[in-house]
Amino acid sequence: ALRLMDQHGLKLVLLRENVEPPVYRLMTGQQIH
């Protein structure tokens, strides 16, 4: 996941941690804002 994040120049954001496995999304800084 970190390698994918670096390749695309995006950031990983935790969406849901109460599920197994936790859900993360690749987002741009603008999307996060």
PDB file of all heavy atoms in Angstrom:
ATOM      1  N   ALA A   1       0.835  -1.205   0.000  1.00  0.00           N
ATOM      2  CA  ALA A   1       0.000   0.000   0.000  1.00  0.00           C
ATOM      3  C   ALA A   1       0.872   1.258   0.000  1.00  0.00           C
ATOM      4  O   ALA A   1       0.581   2.224  -0.709  1.00  0.00           O
ATOM      5  CB  ALA A   1      -0.925  -0.004   1.205  1.00  0.00           C
ATOM      6  N   LEU A   2       1.939   1.251   0.782  1.00  0.00           N
ATOM      7  CA  LEU A   2       2.847   2.403   0.813  1.00  0.00           C
ATOM      8  C   LEU A   2       3.548   2.585  -0.535  1.00  0.00           C
ATOM      9  O   LEU A   2       3.746   3.711  -0.999  1.00  0.00           O
ATOM     10  CB  LEU A   2       3.864   2.249   1.936  1.00  0.00           C
ATOM     11  CG  LEU A   2       3.300   2.367   3.352  1.00  0.00           C
ATOM     12  CD1 LEU A   2       4.374   2.047   4.382  1.00  0.00           C
ATOM     13  CD2 LEU A   2       2.720   3.731   3.594  1.00  0.00           C
ATOM     14  N   ARG A   3       3.930   1.488  -1.164  1.00  0.00           N
ATOM     15  CA  ARG A   3       4.586   1.556  -2.475  1.00  0.00           C
ATOM     16  C   ARG A   3       3.611   2.155  -3.494  1.00  0.00           C
ATOM     17  O   ARG A   3       3.993   3.018  -4.297  1.00  0.00           O
ATOM     18  CB  ARG A   3       5.023   0.155  -2.904  1.00  0.00           C
ATOM     19  CG  ARG A   3       6.033   0.162  -4.021  1.00  0.00           C
ATOM     20  CD  ARG A   3       6.608  -1.210  -4.334  1.00  0.00           C
ATOM     21  NE  ARG A   3       7.117  -1.899  -3.141  1.00  0.00           N
ATOM     22  CZ  ARG A   3       6.592  -3.035  -2.649  1.00  0.00           C
ATOM     23  NH1 ARG A   3       5.550  -3.605  -3.226  1.00  0.00           N
ATOM     24  NH2 ARG A   3       7.107  -3.607  -1.578  1.00  0.00           N
ATOM     25  N   LEU A   4       2.362   1.715  -3.453  1.00  0.00           N
ATOM     26  CA  LEU A   4       1.337   2.229  -4.358  1.00  0.00           C
ATOM     27  C   LEU A   4       1.114   3.724  -4.119  1.00  0.00           C
ATOM     28  O   LEU A   4       0.977   4.509  -5.054  1.00  0.00           O
ATOM     29  CB  LEU A   4       0.035   1.452  -4.121  1.00  0.00           C
ATOM     30  CG  LEU A   4      -1.074   1.591  -5.141  1.00  0.00           C
ATOM     31  CD1 LEU A   4      -0.604   1.066  -6.492  1.00  0.00           C
ATOM     32  CD2 LEU A   4      -2.290   0.821  -4.682  1.00  0.00           C
ATOM     33  N   MET A   5       1.114   4.120  -2.857  1.00  0.00           N
ATOM     34  CA  MET A   5       0.940   5.517  -2.481  1.00  0.00           C
ATOM     35  C   MET A   5       2.071   6.369  -3.075  1.00  0.00           C
ATOM     36  O   MET A   5       1.832   7.438  -3.631  1.00  0.00           O
ATOM     37  CB  MET A   5       0.940   5.619  -0.953  1.00  0.00           C
ATOM     38  CG  MET A   5       0.828   7.011  -0.402  1.00  0.00           C
ATOM     39  SD  MET A   5       0.892   7.042   1.399  1.00  0.00           S
ATOM     40  CE  MET A   5       2.648   7.212   1.665  1.00  0.00           C
ATOM     41  N   ASP A   6       3.302   5.892  -2.961  1.00  0.00           N
ATOM     42  CA  ASP A   6       4.458   6.630  -3.495  1.00  0.00           C
ATOM     43  C   ASP A   6       4.443   6.705  -5.012  1.00  0.00           C
ATOM     44  O   ASP A   6       4.788   7.738  -5.595  1.00  0.00           O
ATOM     45  CB  ASP A   6       5.759   5.991  -3.012  1.00  0.00           C
ATOM     46  CG  ASP A   6       5.982   6.187  -1.522  1.00  0.00           C
ATOM     47  OD1 ASP A   6       5.399   7.137  -0.951  1.00  0.00           O
ATOM     48  OD2 ASP A   6       6.736   5.383  -0.930  1.00  0.00           O
ATOM     49  N   GLN A   7       4.051   5.627  -5.669  1.00  0.00           N
ATOM     50  CA  GLN A   7       4.032   5.599  -7.138  1.00  0.00           C
ATOM     51  C   GLN A   7       3.068   6.639  -7.710  1.00  0.00           C
ATOM     52  O   GLN A   7       3.374   7.300  -8.692  1.00  0.00           O
ATOM     53  CB  GLN A   7       3.613   4.213  -7.643  1.00  0.00           C
ATOM     54  CG  GLN A   7       4.678   3.169  -7.516  1.00  0.00           C
ATOM     55  CD  GLN A   7       4.149   1.781  -7.890  1.00  0.00           C
ATOM     56  OE1 GLN A   7       2.957   1.601  -8.139  1.00  0.00           O
ATOM     57  NE2 GLN A   7       5.044   0.805  -7.919  1.00  0.00           N
ATOM     58  N   HIS A   8       1.923   6.770  -7.093  1.00  0.00           N
ATOM     59  CA  HIS A   8       0.900   7.671  -7.619  1.00  0.00           C
ATOM     60  C   HIS A   8       0.956   9.069  -7.001  1.00  0.00           C
ATOM     61  O   HIS A   8       0.185   9.943  -7.397  1.00  0.00           O
ATOM     62  CB  HIS A   8      -0.491   7.068  -7.403  1.00  0.00           C
ATOM     63  CG  HIS A   8      -0.705   5.804  -8.187  1.00  0.00           C
ATOM     64  ND1 HIS A   8      -0.863   5.787  -9.552  1.00  0.00           N
ATOM     65  CD2 HIS A   8      -0.769   4.512  -7.790  1.00  0.00           C
ATOM     66  CE1 HIS A   8      -1.016   4.551  -9.967  1.00  0.00           C
ATOM     67  NE2 HIS A   8      -0.975   3.749  -8.908  1.00  0.00           N
ATOM     68  N   GLY A   9       1.820   9.281  -6.018  1.00  0.00           N
ATOM     69  CA  GLY A   9       1.931  10.593  -5.382  1.00  0.00           C
ATOM     70  C   GLY A   9       0.686  10.965  -4.579  1.00  0.00           C
ATOM     71  O   GLY A   9       0.317  12.127  -4.502  1.00  0.00           O
ATOM     72  N   LEU A  10       0.044   9.967  -3.994  1.00  0.00           N
ATOM     73  CA  LEU A  10      -1.177  10.195  -3.215  1.00  0.00           C
ATOM     74  C   LEU A  10      -0.906   9.941  -1.737  1.00  0.00           C
ATOM     75  O   LEU A  10       0.203   9.577  -1.359  1.00  0.00           O
ATOM     76  CB  LEU A  10      -2.291   9.252  -3.706  1.00  0.00           C
ATOM     77  CG  LEU A  10      -2.676   9.427  -5.176  1.00  0.00           C
ATOM     78  CD1 LEU A  10      -3.621   8.320  -5.601  1.00  0.00           C
ATOM     79  CD2 LEU A  10      -3.318  10.776  -5.407  1.00  0.00           C
ATOM     80  N   LYS A  11      -1.936  10.131  -0.920  1.00  0.00           N
ATOM     81  CA  LYS A  11      -1.810   9.912   0.515  1.00  0.00           C
ATOM     82  C   LYS A  11      -2.822   8.871   0.940  1.00  0.00           C
ATOM     83  O   LYS A  11      -3.926   8.811   0.412  1.00  0.00           O
ATOM     84  CB  LYS A  11      -2.057  11.224   1.275  1.00  0.00           C
ATOM     85  CG  LYS A  11      -1.027  12.270   0.926  1.00  0.00           C
ATOM     86  CD  LYS A  11      -1.353  13.590   1.531  1.00  0.00           C
ATOM     87  CE  LYS A  11      -0.255  14.562   1.120  1.00  0.00           C
ATOM     88  NZ  LYS A  11      -0.550  15.915   1.422  1.00  0.00           N
ATOM     89  N   LEU A  12      -2.443   8.058   1.927  1.00  0.00           N
ATOM     90  CA  LEU A  12      -3.358   7.059   2.470  1.00  0.00           C
ATOM     91  C   LEU A  12      -4.147   7.662   3.608  1.00  0.00           C
ATOM     92  O   LEU A  12      -3.581   8.291   4.496  1.00  0.00           O
ATOM     93  CB  LEU A  12      -2.577   5.850   2.999  1.00  0.00           C
ATOM     94  CG  LEU A  12      -2.299   4.741   2.006  1.00  0.00           C
ATOM     95  CD1 LEU A  12      -1.392   3.709   2.634  1.00  0.00           C
ATOM     96  CD2 LEU A  12      -3.562   4.100   1.515  1.00  0.00           C
ATOM     97  N   VAL A  13      -5.458   7.462   3.586  1.00  0.00           N
ATOM     98  CA  VAL A  13      -6.337   8.013   4.614  1.00  0.00           C
ATOM     99  C   VAL A  13      -7.181   6.877   5.184  1.00  0.00           C
ATOM    100  O   VAL A  13      -7.770   6.096   4.433  1.00  0.00           O
ATOM    101  CB  VAL A  13      -7.254   9.108   4.019  1.00  0.00           C
ATOM    102  CG1 VAL A  13      -8.224   9.623   5.048  1.00  0.00           C
ATOM    103  CG2 VAL A  13      -6.419  10.244   3.459  1.00  0.00           C
ATOM    104  N   LEU A  14      -7.237   6.797   6.504  1.00  0.00           N
ATOM    105  CA  LEU A  14      -8.043   5.786   7.178  1.00  0.00           C
ATOM    106  C   LEU A  14      -9.507   6.178   7.106  1.00  0.00           C
ATOM    107  O   LEU A  14      -9.887   7.259   7.540  1.00  0.00           O
ATOM    108  CB  LEU A  14      -7.605   5.662   8.644  1.00  0.00           C
ATOM    109  CG  LEU A  14      -8.389   4.710   9.520  1.00  0.00           C
ATOM    110  CD1 LEU A  14      -8.215   3.272   9.046  1.00  0.00           C
ATOM    111  CD2 LEU A  14      -7.929   4.836  10.961  1.00  0.00           C
ATOM    112  N   LEU A  15     -10.332   5.294   6.541  1.00  0.00           N
ATOM    113  CA  LEU A  15     -11.767   5.563   6.468  1.00  0.00           C
ATOM    114  C   LEU A  15     -12.513   4.860   7.597  1.00  0.00           C
ATOM    115  O   LEU A  15     -13.304   5.469   8.294  1.00  0.00           O
ATOM    116  CB  LEU A  15     -12.341   5.104   5.129  1.00  0.00           C
ATOM    117  CG  LEU A  15     -11.905   5.871   3.896  1.00  0.00           C
ATOM    118  CD1 LEU A  15     -12.631   5.348   2.670  1.00  0.00           C
ATOM    119  CD2 LEU A  15     -12.163   7.350   4.048  1.00  0.00           C
ATOM    120  N   ARG A  16     -12.267   3.560   7.752  1.00  0.00           N
ATOM    121  CA  ARG A  16     -12.943   2.780   8.802  1.00  0.00           C
ATOM    122  C   ARG A  16     -11.938   1.832   9.429  1.00  0.00           C
ATOM    123  O   ARG A  16     -11.314   1.045   8.733  1.00  0.00           O
ATOM    124  CB  ARG A  16     -14.098   1.973   8.214  1.00  0.00           C
ATOM    125  CG  ARG A  16     -15.304   2.817   7.883  1.00  0.00           C
ATOM    126  CD  ARG A  16     -16.393   1.984   7.283  1.00  0.00           C
ATOM    127  NE  ARG A  16     -16.004   1.754   5.878  1.00  0.00           N
ATOM    128  CZ  ARG A  16     -16.471   0.784   5.111  1.00  0.00           C
ATOM    129  NH1 ARG A  16     -17.333  -0.065   5.575  1.00  0.00           N
ATOM    130  NH2 ARG A  16     -16.082   0.660   3.868  1.00  0.00           N
ATOM    131  N   GLU A  17     -11.817   1.904  10.754  1.00  0.00           N
ATOM    132  CA  GLU A  17     -10.887   0.997  11.419  1.00  0.00           C
ATOM    133  C   GLU A  17     -11.598  -0.066  12.237  1.00  0.00           C
ATOM    134  O   GLU A  17     -10.976  -0.950  12.769  1.00  0.00           O
ATOM    135  CB  GLU A  17      -9.897   1.762  12.303  1.00  0.00           C
ATOM    136  CG  GLU A  17     -10.497   2.475  13.473  1.00  0.00           C
ATOM    137  CD  GLU A  17      -9.440   3.173  14.306  1.00  0.00           C
ATOM    138  OE1 GLU A  17      -8.276   2.746  14.268  1.00  0.00           O
ATOM    139  OE2 GLU A  17      -9.799   4.139  14.985  1.00  0.00           O
ATOM    140  N   ASN A  18     -12.934  -0.008  12.306  1.00  0.00           N
ATOM    141  CA  ASN A  18     -13.688  -0.971  13.104  1.00  0.00           C
ATOM    142  C   ASN A  18     -13.970  -2.259  12.350  1.00  0.00           C
ATOM    143  O   ASN A  18     -14.592  -3.157  12.887  1.00  0.00           O
ATOM    144  CB  ASN A  18     -15.011  -0.352  13.566  1.00  0.00           C
ATOM    145  CG  ASN A  18     -14.791   0.864  14.434  1.00  0.00           C
ATOM    146  OD1 ASN A  18     -13.694   1.091  14.920  1.00  0.00           O
ATOM    147  ND2 ASN A  18     -15.828   1.646  14.612  1.00  0.00           N
ATOM    148  N   VAL A  19     -13.561  -2.346  11.097  1.00  0.00           N
ATOM    149  CA  VAL A  19     -13.786  -3.552  10.300  1.00  0.00           C
ATOM    150  C   VAL A  19     -12.476  -4.305  10.159  1.00  0.00           C
ATOM    151  O   VAL A  19     -11.395  -3.774  10.425  1.00  0.00           O
ATOM    152  CB  VAL A  19     -14.359  -3.193   8.908  1.00  0.00           C
ATOM    153  CG1 VAL A  19     -15.738  -2.608   9.027  1.00  0.00           C
ATOM    154  CG2 VAL A  19     -13.453  -2.244   8.165  1.00  0.00           C
ATOM    155  N   GLU A  20     -12.557  -5.544   9.727  1.00  0.00           N
ATOM    156  CA  GLU A  20     -11.358  -6.365   9.565  1.00  0.00           C
ATOM    157  C   GLU A  20     -11.222  -6.739   8.113  1.00  0.00           C
ATOM    158  O   GLU A  20     -12.092  -7.401   7.574  1.00  0.00           O
ATOM    159  CB  GLU A  20     -11.503  -7.628  10.429  1.00  0.00           C
ATOM    160  CG  GLU A  20     -10.223  -8.374  10.677  1.00  0.00           C
ATOM    161  CD  GLU A  20      -9.123  -7.539  11.310  1.00  0.00           C
ATOM    162  OE1 GLU A  20      -9.375  -6.789  12.262  1.00  0.00           O
ATOM    163  OE2 GLU A  20      -8.002  -7.643  10.813  1.00  0.00           O
ATOM    164  N   PRO A  21     -10.219  -6.372   7.371  1.00  0.00           N
ATOM    165  CA  PRO A  21      -9.145  -5.443   7.705  1.00  0.00           C
ATOM    166  C   PRO A  21      -9.627  -3.992   7.595  1.00  0.00           C
ATOM    167  O   PRO A  21     -10.610  -3.724   6.921  1.00  0.00           O
ATOM    168  CB  PRO A  21      -8.089  -5.742   6.648  1.00  0.00           C
ATOM    169  CG  PRO A  21      -8.865  -6.199   5.466  1.00  0.00           C
ATOM    170  CD  PRO A  21     -10.058  -6.935   6.028  1.00  0.00           C
ATOM    171  N   PRO A  22      -8.922  -3.062   8.247  1.00  0.00           N
ATOM    172  CA  PRO A  22      -9.307  -1.651   8.199  1.00  0.00           C
ATOM    173  C   PRO A  22      -9.260  -1.107   6.764  1.00  0.00           C
ATOM    174  O   PRO A  22      -8.452  -1.550   5.966  1.00  0.00           O
ATOM    175  CB  PRO A  22      -8.282  -0.949   9.074  1.00  0.00           C
ATOM    176  CG  PRO A  22      -7.344  -1.973   9.531  1.00  0.00           C
ATOM    177  CD  PRO A  22      -7.762  -3.303   9.060  1.00  0.00           C
ATOM    178  N   VAL A  23     -10.132  -0.147   6.482  1.00  0.00           N
ATOM    179  CA  VAL A  23     -10.262   0.392   5.123  1.00  0.00           C
ATOM    180  C   VAL A  23      -9.496   1.707   5.022  1.00  0.00           C
ATOM    181  O   VAL A  23      -9.707   2.624   5.804  1.00  0.00           O
ATOM    182  CB  VAL A  23     -11.751   0.608   4.764  1.00  0.00           C
ATOM    183  CG1 VAL A  23     -11.889   1.187   3.372  1.00  0.00           C
ATOM    184  CG2 VAL A  23     -12.520  -0.692   4.886  1.00  0.00           C
ATOM    185  N   TYR A  24      -8.602   1.769   4.030  1.00  0.00           N
ATOM    186  CA  TYR A  24      -7.831   2.977   3.731  1.00  0.00           C
ATOM    187  C   TYR A  24      -8.141   3.390   2.309  1.00  0.00           C
ATOM    188  O   TYR A  24      -8.456   2.554   1.462  1.00  0.00           O
ATOM    189  CB  TYR A  24      -6.325   2.706   3.846  1.00  0.00           C
ATOM    190  CG  TYR A  24      -5.817   2.677   5.259  1.00  0.00           C
ATOM    191  CD1 TYR A  24      -5.977   1.556   6.055  1.00  0.00           C
ATOM    192  CD2 TYR A  24      -5.172   3.778   5.802  1.00  0.00           C
ATOM    193  CE1 TYR A  24      -5.504   1.526   7.357  1.00  0.00           C
ATOM    194  CE2 TYR A  24      -4.699   3.757   7.107  1.00  0.00           C
ATOM    195  CZ  TYR A  24      -4.867   2.629   7.871  1.00  0.00           C
ATOM    196  OH  TYR A  24      -4.394   2.620   9.166  1.00  0.00           O
ATOM    197  N   ARG A  25      -8.043   4.693   2.049  1.00  0.00           N
ATOM    198  CA  ARG A  25      -8.289   5.195   0.702  1.00  0.00           C
ATOM    199  C   ARG A  25      -7.124   6.056   0.257  1.00  0.00           C
ATOM    200  O   ARG A  25      -6.580   6.836   1.044  1.00  0.00           O
ATOM    201  CB  ARG A  25      -9.575   6.013   0.675  1.00  0.00           C
ATOM    202  CG  ARG A  25      -9.895   6.512  -0.722  1.00  0.00           C
ATOM    203  CD  ARG A  25     -11.246   7.119  -0.795  1.00  0.00           C
ATOM    204  NE  ARG A  25     -11.488   7.547  -2.171  1.00  0.00           N
ATOM    205  CZ  ARG A  25     -12.580   8.123  -2.578  1.00  0.00           C
ATOM    206  NH1 ARG A  25     -13.557   8.348  -1.736  1.00  0.00           N
ATOM    207  NH2 ARG A  25     -12.718   8.481  -3.831  1.00  0.00           N
ATOM    208  N   LEU A  26      -6.769   5.944  -1.006  1.00  0.00           N
ATOM    209  CA  LEU A  26      -5.747   6.795  -1.610  1.00  0.00           C
ATOM    210  C   LEU A  26      -6.426   8.093  -2.032  1.00  0.00           C
ATOM    211  O   LEU A  26      -7.412   8.061  -2.763  1.00  0.00           O
ATOM    212  CB  LEU A  26      -5.130   6.106  -2.831  1.00  0.00           C
ATOM    213  CG  LEU A  26      -4.260   4.888  -2.534  1.00  0.00           C
ATOM    214  CD1 LEU A  26      -3.978   4.121  -3.806  1.00  0.00           C
ATOM    215  CD2 LEU A  26      -2.963   5.314  -1.875  1.00  0.00           C
ATOM    216  N   MET A  27      -5.916   9.225  -1.549  1.00  0.00           N
ATOM    217  CA  MET A  27      -6.535  10.512  -1.854  1.00  0.00           C
ATOM    218  C   MET A  27      -5.462  11.564  -2.138  1.00  0.00           C
ATOM    219  O   MET A  27      -4.348  11.465  -1.632  1.00  0.00           O
ATOM    220  CB  MET A  27      -7.380  11.003  -0.674  1.00  0.00           C
ATOM    221  CG  MET A  27      -8.534  10.130  -0.301  1.00  0.00           C
ATOM    222  SD  MET A  27      -9.367  10.763   1.156  1.00  0.00           S
ATOM    223  CE  MET A  27     -10.902  11.271   0.466  1.00  0.00           C
ATOM    224  N   THR A  28      -5.862  12.592  -2.886  1.00  0.00           N
ATOM    225  CA  THR A  28      -4.982  13.736  -3.095  1.00  0.00           C
ATOM    226  C   THR A  28      -5.178  14.688  -1.921  1.00  0.00           C
ATOM    227  O   THR A  28      -6.140  14.559  -1.164  1.00  0.00           O
ATOM    228  CB  THR A  28      -5.341  14.480  -4.398  1.00  0.00           C
ATOM    229  OG1 THR A  28      -6.669  14.986  -4.276  1.00  0.00           O
ATOM    230  CG2 THR A  28      -5.226  13.583  -5.610  1.00  0.00           C
ATOM    231  N   GLY A  29      -4.289  15.640  -1.785  1.00  0.00           N
ATOM    232  CA  GLY A  29      -4.412  16.634  -0.725  1.00  0.00           C
ATOM    233  C   GLY A  29      -5.702  17.430  -0.845  1.00  0.00           C
ATOM    234  O   GLY A  29      -6.335  17.766   0.147  1.00  0.00           O
ATOM    235  N   GLN A  30      -6.108  17.724  -2.073  1.00  0.00           N
ATOM    236  CA  GLN A  30      -7.345  18.481  -2.316  1.00  0.00           C
ATOM    237  C   GLN A  30      -8.564  17.681  -1.851  1.00  0.00           C
ATOM    238  O   GLN A  30      -9.467  18.223  -1.223  1.00  0.00           O
ATOM    239  CB  GLN A  30      -7.467  18.815  -3.810  1.00  0.00           C
ATOM    240  CG  GLN A  30      -8.718  19.594  -4.172  1.00  0.00           C
ATOM    241  CD  GLN A  30      -8.742  20.983  -3.553  1.00  0.00           C
ATOM    242  OE1 GLN A  30      -7.710  21.599  -3.355  1.00  0.00           O
ATOM    243  NE2 GLN A  30      -9.925  21.473  -3.243  1.00  0.00           N
ATOM    244  N   GLN A  31      -8.572  16.370  -2.148  1.00  0.00           N
ATOM    245  CA  GLN A  31      -9.695  15.528  -1.724  1.00  0.00           C
ATOM    246  C   GLN A  31      -9.773  15.455  -0.202  1.00  0.00           C
ATOM    247  O   GLN A  31     -10.860  15.484   0.371  1.00  0.00           O
ATOM    248  CB  GLN A  31      -9.541  14.110  -2.282  1.00  0.00           C
ATOM    249  CG  GLN A  31      -9.810  14.003  -3.764  1.00  0.00           C
ATOM    250  CD  GLN A  31      -9.487  12.611  -4.288  1.00  0.00           C
ATOM    251  OE1 GLN A  31      -8.516  11.996  -3.868  1.00  0.00           O
ATOM    252  NE2 GLN A  31     -10.314  12.142  -5.196  1.00  0.00           N
ATOM    253  N   ILE A  32      -8.634  15.374   0.452  1.00  0.00           N
ATOM    254  CA  ILE A  32      -8.594  15.320   1.913  1.00  0.00           C
ATOM    255  C   ILE A  32      -9.165  16.615   2.490  1.00  0.00           C
ATOM    256  O   ILE A  32      -9.982  16.599   3.406  1.00  0.00           O
ATOM    257  CB  ILE A  32      -7.161  15.081   2.425  1.00  0.00           C
ATOM    258  CG1 ILE A  32      -6.691  13.681   2.034  1.00  0.00           C
ATOM    259  CG2 ILE A  32      -7.072  15.262   3.940  1.00  0.00           C
ATOM    260  CD1 ILE A  32      -5.220  13.420   2.303  1.00  0.00           C
ATOM    261  N   HIS A  33      -8.757  17.745   1.915  1.00  0.00           N
ATOM    262  CA  HIS A  33      -9.236  19.045   2.383  1.00  0.00           C
ATOM    263  C   HIS A  33     -10.752  19.158   2.222  1.00  0.00           C
ATOM    264  O   HIS A  33     -11.450  19.609   3.132  1.00  0.00           O
ATOM    265  CB  HIS A  33      -8.524  20.161   1.618  1.00  0.00           C
ATOM    266  CG  HIS A  33      -8.942  21.531   2.023  1.00  0.00           C
ATOM    267  ND1 HIS A  33      -8.644  22.060   3.253  1.00  0.00           N
ATOM    268  CD2 HIS A  33      -9.665  22.472   1.369  1.00  0.00           C
ATOM    269  CE1 HIS A  33      -9.156  23.277   3.338  1.00  0.00           C
ATOM    270  NE2 HIS A  33      -9.779  23.550   2.210  1.00  0.00           N
TER     271      HIS A  33
END
